[in-house]
């Protein structure tokens, strides 16, 4: 859902999808200590990330290839 909203440039759908994704991760994920340098299976945008910020992160051979 997040990736399709990013591809479509749909700010409202992006905000809803990101919120749902982060809620799900918080519900079932395992928190790491703040100082931990452990690896993670996922890298997620911050909760307050804008659509433009995420588009920039994913541009130029990013996580969502063009």
PDB file of N, CA and C in Angstrom:
ATOM      1  N   UNK A   1       0.809  -1.185   0.000  1.00  0.00           N
ATOM      2  CA  UNK A   1       0.000   0.000   0.000  1.00  0.00           C
ATOM      3  C   UNK A   1       0.860   1.260   0.000  1.00  0.00           C
ATOM      4  N   UNK A   2       1.911   1.293   0.817  1.00  0.00           N
ATOM      5  CA  UNK A   2       2.767   2.471   0.863  1.00  0.00           C
ATOM      6  C   UNK A   2       3.416   2.688  -0.495  1.00  0.00           C
ATOM      7  N   UNK A   3       3.949   1.616  -1.078  1.00  0.00           N
ATOM      8  CA  UNK A   3       4.649   1.786  -2.346  1.00  0.00           C
ATOM      9  C   UNK A   3       3.706   2.246  -3.449  1.00  0.00           C
ATOM     10  N   UNK A   4       2.485   1.747  -3.489  1.00  0.00           N
ATOM     11  CA  UNK A   4       1.556   2.181  -4.536  1.00  0.00           C
ATOM     12  C   UNK A   4       1.150   3.641  -4.328  1.00  0.00           C
ATOM     13  N   UNK A   5       1.005   4.071  -3.087  1.00  0.00           N
ATOM     14  CA  UNK A   5       0.688   5.477  -2.816  1.00  0.00           C
ATOM     15  C   UNK A   5       1.855   6.377  -3.202  1.00  0.00           C
ATOM     16  N   UNK A   6       3.083   5.925  -2.950  1.00  0.00           N
ATOM     17  CA  UNK A   6       4.261   6.696  -3.336  1.00  0.00           C
ATOM     18  C   UNK A   6       4.332   6.801  -4.855  1.00  0.00           C
ATOM     19  N   UNK A   7       4.153   5.687  -5.538  1.00  0.00           N
ATOM     20  CA  UNK A   7       4.191   5.692  -7.007  1.00  0.00           C
ATOM     21  C   UNK A   7       3.126   6.601  -7.603  1.00  0.00           C
ATOM     22  N   UNK A   8       1.938   6.618  -6.984  1.00  0.00           N
ATOM     23  CA  UNK A   8       0.830   7.428  -7.487  1.00  0.00           C
ATOM     24  C   UNK A   8       0.949   8.891  -7.069  1.00  0.00           C
ATOM     25  N   UNK A   9       1.821   9.170  -6.096  1.00  0.00           N
ATOM     26  CA  UNK A   9       1.943  10.535  -5.592  1.00  0.00           C
ATOM     27  C   UNK A   9       0.726  10.975  -4.810  1.00  0.00           C
ATOM     28  N   UNK A  10       0.050  10.011  -4.180  1.00  0.00           N
ATOM     29  CA  UNK A  10      -1.186  10.285  -3.453  1.00  0.00           C
ATOM     30  C   UNK A  10      -0.871  10.517  -1.974  1.00  0.00           C
ATOM     31  N   UNK A  11      -0.832  11.784  -1.582  1.00  0.00           N
ATOM     32  CA  UNK A  11      -0.455  12.170  -0.214  1.00  0.00           C
ATOM     33  C   UNK A  11      -1.381  11.562   0.837  1.00  0.00           C
ATOM     34  N   UNK A  12      -2.691  11.601   0.611  1.00  0.00           N
ATOM     35  CA  UNK A  12      -3.639  11.075   1.598  1.00  0.00           C
ATOM     36  C   UNK A  12      -3.494   9.564   1.756  1.00  0.00           C
ATOM     37  N   UNK A  13      -3.421   8.854   0.635  1.00  0.00           N
ATOM     38  CA  UNK A  13      -3.260   7.397   0.694  1.00  0.00           C
ATOM     39  C   UNK A  13      -1.924   7.038   1.329  1.00  0.00           C
ATOM     40  N   UNK A  14      -0.883   7.812   1.031  1.00  0.00           N
ATOM     41  CA  UNK A  14       0.434   7.567   1.614  1.00  0.00           C
ATOM     42  C   UNK A  14       0.383   7.703   3.132  1.00  0.00           C
ATOM     43  N   UNK A  15      -0.205   8.783   3.617  1.00  0.00           N
ATOM     44  CA  UNK A  15      -0.264   9.014   5.068  1.00  0.00           C
ATOM     45  C   UNK A  15      -1.016   7.890   5.767  1.00  0.00           C
ATOM     46  N   UNK A  16      -2.141   7.483   5.203  1.00  0.00           N
ATOM     47  CA  UNK A  16      -2.923   6.391   5.795  1.00  0.00           C
ATOM     48  C   UNK A  16      -2.154   5.077   5.768  1.00  0.00           C
ATOM     49  N   UNK A  17      -1.510   4.775   4.635  1.00  0.00           N
ATOM     50  CA  UNK A  17      -0.781   3.509   4.495  1.00  0.00           C
ATOM     51  C   UNK A  17       0.442   3.472   5.399  1.00  0.00           C
ATOM     52  N   UNK A  18       1.156   4.576   5.497  1.00  0.00           N
ATOM     53  CA  UNK A  18       2.336   4.620   6.371  1.00  0.00           C
ATOM     54  C   UNK A  18       1.919   4.447   7.818  1.00  0.00           C
ATOM     55  N   UNK A  19       0.850   5.119   8.227  1.00  0.00           N
ATOM     56  CA  UNK A  19       0.357   4.988   9.607  1.00  0.00           C
ATOM     57  C   UNK A  19      -0.015   3.531   9.901  1.00  0.00           C
ATOM     58  N   UNK A  20      -0.713   2.878   8.972  1.00  0.00           N
ATOM     59  CA  UNK A  20      -1.115   1.484   9.165  1.00  0.00           C
ATOM     60  C   UNK A  20       0.104   0.565   9.220  1.00  0.00           C
ATOM     61  N   UNK A  21       1.071   0.808   8.360  1.00  0.00           N
ATOM     62  CA  UNK A  21       2.293  -0.004   8.362  1.00  0.00           C
ATOM     63  C   UNK A  21       3.037   0.125   9.686  1.00  0.00           C
ATOM     64  N   UNK A  22       3.245   1.349  10.129  1.00  0.00           N
ATOM     65  CA  UNK A  22       3.975   1.564  11.376  1.00  0.00           C
ATOM     66  C   UNK A  22       3.214   1.016  12.582  1.00  0.00           C
ATOM     67  N   UNK A  23       1.888   1.144  12.578  1.00  0.00           N
ATOM     68  CA  UNK A  23       1.088   0.566  13.664  1.00  0.00           C
ATOM     69  C   UNK A  23       1.260  -0.948  13.709  1.00  0.00           C
ATOM     70  N   UNK A  24       1.248  -1.591  12.555  1.00  0.00           N
ATOM     71  CA  UNK A  24       1.424  -3.043  12.489  1.00  0.00           C
ATOM     72  C   UNK A  24       2.796  -3.477  12.975  1.00  0.00           C
ATOM     73  N   UNK A  25       3.820  -2.740  12.576  1.00  0.00           N
ATOM     74  CA  UNK A  25       5.182  -3.071  13.015  1.00  0.00           C
ATOM     75  C   UNK A  25       5.307  -2.899  14.519  1.00  0.00           C
ATOM     76  N   UNK A  26       4.739  -1.839  15.050  1.00  0.00           N
ATOM     77  CA  UNK A  26       4.798  -1.619  16.503  1.00  0.00           C
ATOM     78  C   UNK A  26       4.051  -2.702  17.262  1.00  0.00           C
ATOM     79  N   UNK A  27       2.973  -3.193  16.674  1.00  0.00           N
ATOM     80  CA  UNK A  27       2.154  -4.213  17.326  1.00  0.00           C
ATOM     81  C   UNK A  27       2.873  -5.565  17.386  1.00  0.00           C
ATOM     82  N   UNK A  28       3.562  -5.949  16.331  1.00  0.00           N
ATOM     83  CA  UNK A  28       4.156  -7.291  16.290  1.00  0.00           C
ATOM     84  C   UNK A  28       5.681  -7.296  16.327  1.00  0.00           C
ATOM     85  N   UNK A  29       6.296  -6.127  16.192  1.00  0.00           N
ATOM     86  CA  UNK A  29       7.755  -6.058  16.149  1.00  0.00           C
ATOM     87  C   UNK A  29       8.386  -6.141  17.526  1.00  0.00           C
ATOM     88  N   UNK A  30       9.686  -6.297  17.527  1.00  0.00           N
ATOM     89  CA  UNK A  30      10.468  -6.339  18.758  1.00  0.00           C
ATOM     90  C   UNK A  30      11.328  -5.086  18.836  1.00  0.00           C
ATOM     91  N   UNK A  31      11.122  -4.249  19.849  1.00  0.00           N
ATOM     92  CA  UNK A  31      11.914  -3.023  19.964  1.00  0.00           C
ATOM     93  C   UNK A  31      13.386  -3.332  20.209  1.00  0.00           C
ATOM     94  N   UNK A  32      14.243  -2.508  19.659  1.00  0.00           N
ATOM     95  CA  UNK A  32      15.682  -2.583  19.904  1.00  0.00           C
ATOM     96  C   UNK A  32      16.054  -1.463  20.861  1.00  0.00           C
ATOM     97  N   UNK A  33      17.106  -1.677  21.618  1.00  0.00           N
ATOM     98  CA  UNK A  33      17.614  -0.615  22.479  1.00  0.00           C
ATOM     99  C   UNK A  33      18.053   0.551  21.595  1.00  0.00           C
ATOM    100  N   UNK A  34      17.868   1.763  22.088  1.00  0.00           N
ATOM    101  CA  UNK A  34      18.206   2.947  21.310  1.00  0.00           C
ATOM    102  C   UNK A  34      19.676   2.943  20.900  1.00  0.00           C
ATOM    103  N   UNK A  35      20.549   2.513  21.780  1.00  0.00           N
ATOM    104  CA  UNK A  35      21.984   2.518  21.507  1.00  0.00           C
ATOM    105  C   UNK A  35      22.444   1.311  20.695  1.00  0.00           C
ATOM    106  N   UNK A  36      21.554   0.380  20.422  1.00  0.00           N
ATOM    107  CA  UNK A  36      21.900  -0.857  19.743  1.00  0.00           C
ATOM    108  C   UNK A  36      22.315  -0.613  18.299  1.00  0.00           C
ATOM    109  N   UNK A  37      23.303  -1.369  17.866  1.00  0.00           N
ATOM    110  CA  UNK A  37      23.728  -1.339  16.471  1.00  0.00           C
ATOM    111  C   UNK A  37      23.353  -2.646  15.783  1.00  0.00           C
ATOM    112  N   UNK A  38      22.373  -3.357  16.354  1.00  0.00           N
ATOM    113  CA  UNK A  38      21.905  -4.604  15.751  1.00  0.00           C
ATOM    114  C   UNK A  38      21.343  -4.333  14.361  1.00  0.00           C
ATOM    115  N   UNK A  39      21.376  -5.361  13.546  1.00  0.00           N
ATOM    116  CA  UNK A  39      20.765  -5.225  12.219  1.00  0.00           C
ATOM    117  C   UNK A  39      19.257  -5.372  12.349  1.00  0.00           C
ATOM    118  N   UNK A  40      18.576  -4.938  11.326  1.00  0.00           N
ATOM    119  CA  UNK A  40      17.120  -5.012  11.313  1.00  0.00           C
ATOM    120  C   UNK A  40      16.670  -5.580   9.982  1.00  0.00           C
ATOM    121  N   UNK A  41      15.531  -6.248   9.996  1.00  0.00           N
ATOM    122  CA  UNK A  41      14.968  -6.785   8.760  1.00  0.00           C
ATOM    123  C   UNK A  41      14.327  -5.692   7.916  1.00  0.00           C
ATOM    124  N   UNK A  42      13.959  -4.589   8.531  1.00  0.00           N
ATOM    125  CA  UNK A  42      13.228  -3.528   7.847  1.00  0.00           C
ATOM    126  C   UNK A  42      13.833  -2.162   8.129  1.00  0.00           C
ATOM    127  N   UNK A  43      13.716  -1.301   7.161  1.00  0.00           N
ATOM    128  CA  UNK A  43      14.022   0.110   7.360  1.00  0.00           C
ATOM    129  C   UNK A  43      12.762   0.851   6.944  1.00  0.00           C
ATOM    130  N   UNK A  44      12.183   1.571   7.884  1.00  0.00           N
ATOM    131  CA  UNK A  44      10.915   2.251   7.633  1.00  0.00           C
ATOM    132  C   UNK A  44      11.087   3.757   7.745  1.00  0.00           C
ATOM    133  N   UNK A  45      10.283   4.502   7.001  1.00  0.00           N
ATOM    134  CA  UNK A  45      10.323   5.960   7.152  1.00  0.00           C
ATOM    135  C   UNK A  45       9.828   6.364   8.533  1.00  0.00           C
ATOM    136  N   UNK A  46      10.230   7.545   8.968  1.00  0.00           N
ATOM    137  CA  UNK A  46       9.735   8.089  10.223  1.00  0.00           C
ATOM    138  C   UNK A  46       8.239   8.331  10.094  1.00  0.00           C
ATOM    139  N   UNK A  47       7.544   8.318  11.202  1.00  0.00           N
ATOM    140  CA  UNK A  47       6.093   8.486  11.204  1.00  0.00           C
ATOM    141  C   UNK A  47       5.663   9.816  10.593  1.00  0.00           C
ATOM    142  N   UNK A  48       6.500  10.840  10.721  1.00  0.00           N
ATOM    143  CA  UNK A  48       6.136  12.153  10.188  1.00  0.00           C
ATOM    144  C   UNK A  48       6.755  12.429   8.819  1.00  0.00           C
ATOM    145  N   UNK A  49       7.262  11.392   8.166  1.00  0.00           N
ATOM    146  CA  UNK A  49       7.858  11.575   6.838  1.00  0.00           C
ATOM    147  C   UNK A  49       6.798  12.016   5.836  1.00  0.00           C
ATOM    148  N   UNK A  50       7.187  12.920   4.968  1.00  0.00           N
ATOM    149  CA  UNK A  50       6.264  13.368   3.931  1.00  0.00           C
ATOM    150  C   UNK A  50       6.398  12.465   2.706  1.00  0.00           C
ATOM    151  N   UNK A  51       5.423  12.532   1.847  1.00  0.00           N
ATOM    152  CA  UNK A  51       5.466  11.786   0.599  1.00  0.00           C
ATOM    153  C   UNK A  51       6.703  12.181  -0.201  1.00  0.00           C
ATOM    154  N   UNK A  52       6.995  13.458  -0.268  1.00  0.00           N
ATOM    155  CA  UNK A  52       8.164  13.931  -1.022  1.00  0.00           C
ATOM    156  C   UNK A  52       9.461  13.372  -0.452  1.00  0.00           C
ATOM    157  N   UNK A  53       9.578  13.314   0.871  1.00  0.00           N
ATOM    158  CA  UNK A  53      10.787  12.763   1.492  1.00  0.00           C
ATOM    159  C   UNK A  53      10.965  11.291   1.130  1.00  0.00           C
ATOM    160  N   UNK A  54       9.886  10.535   1.178  1.00  0.00           N
ATOM    161  CA  UNK A  54       9.972   9.112   0.865  1.00  0.00           C
ATOM    162  C   UNK A  54      10.242   8.914  -0.625  1.00  0.00           C
ATOM    163  N   UNK A  55       9.642   9.728  -1.467  1.00  0.00           N
ATOM    164  CA  UNK A  55       9.937   9.644  -2.893  1.00  0.00           C
ATOM    165  C   UNK A  55      11.416   9.895  -3.151  1.00  0.00           C
ATOM    166  N   UNK A  56      12.001  10.878  -2.453  1.00  0.00           N
ATOM    167  CA  UNK A  56      13.433  11.157  -2.597  1.00  0.00           C
ATOM    168  C   UNK A  56      14.280   9.980  -2.136  1.00  0.00           C
ATOM    169  N   UNK A  57      13.888   9.363  -1.031  1.00  0.00           N
ATOM    170  CA  UNK A  57      14.637   8.210  -0.518  1.00  0.00           C
ATOM    171  C   UNK A  57      14.624   7.041  -1.497  1.00  0.00           C
ATOM    172  N   UNK A  58      13.529   6.893  -2.213  1.00  0.00           N
ATOM    173  CA  UNK A  58      13.366   5.753  -3.090  1.00  0.00           C
ATOM    174  C   UNK A  58      13.777   6.024  -4.534  1.00  0.00           C
ATOM    175  N   UNK A  59      14.159   7.239  -4.835  1.00  0.00           N
ATOM    176  CA  UNK A  59      14.539   7.606  -6.192  1.00  0.00           C
ATOM    177  C   UNK A  59      15.932   7.089  -6.545  1.00  0.00           C
ATOM    178  N   UNK A  60      16.239   7.095  -7.829  1.00  0.00           N
ATOM    179  CA  UNK A  60      17.578   6.737  -8.321  1.00  0.00           C
ATOM    180  C   UNK A  60      18.007   5.354  -7.858  1.00  0.00           C
ATOM    181  N   UNK A  61      17.307   4.341  -8.328  1.00  0.00           N
ATOM    182  CA  UNK A  61      17.622   2.954  -7.984  1.00  0.00           C
ATOM    183  C   UNK A  61      17.481   2.674  -6.503  1.00  0.00           C
ATOM    184  N   UNK A  62      16.496   3.287  -5.877  1.00  0.00           N
ATOM    185  CA  UNK A  62      16.238   3.066  -4.460  1.00  0.00           C
ATOM    186  C   UNK A  62      15.521   1.751  -4.249  1.00  0.00           C
ATOM    187  N   UNK A  63      14.724   1.688  -3.218  1.00  0.00           N
ATOM    188  CA  UNK A  63      14.042   0.460  -2.860  1.00  0.00           C
ATOM    189  C   UNK A  63      12.948   0.070  -3.840  1.00  0.00           C
ATOM    190  N   UNK A  64      12.404   1.065  -4.544  1.00  0.00           N
ATOM    191  CA  UNK A  64      11.374   0.783  -5.535  1.00  0.00           C
ATOM    192  C   UNK A  64      11.960   1.106  -6.906  1.00  0.00           C
ATOM    193  N   UNK A  65      12.489   0.112  -7.613  1.00  0.00           N
ATOM    194  CA  UNK A  65      13.090   0.388  -8.909  1.00  0.00           C
ATOM    195  C   UNK A  65      12.056   0.910  -9.895  1.00  0.00           C
ATOM    196  N   UNK A  66      12.495   1.823 -10.755  1.00  0.00           N
ATOM    197  CA  UNK A  66      11.594   2.453 -11.709  1.00  0.00           C
ATOM    198  C   UNK A  66      11.234   1.620 -12.879  1.00  0.00           C
TER     199      UNK A  66
END
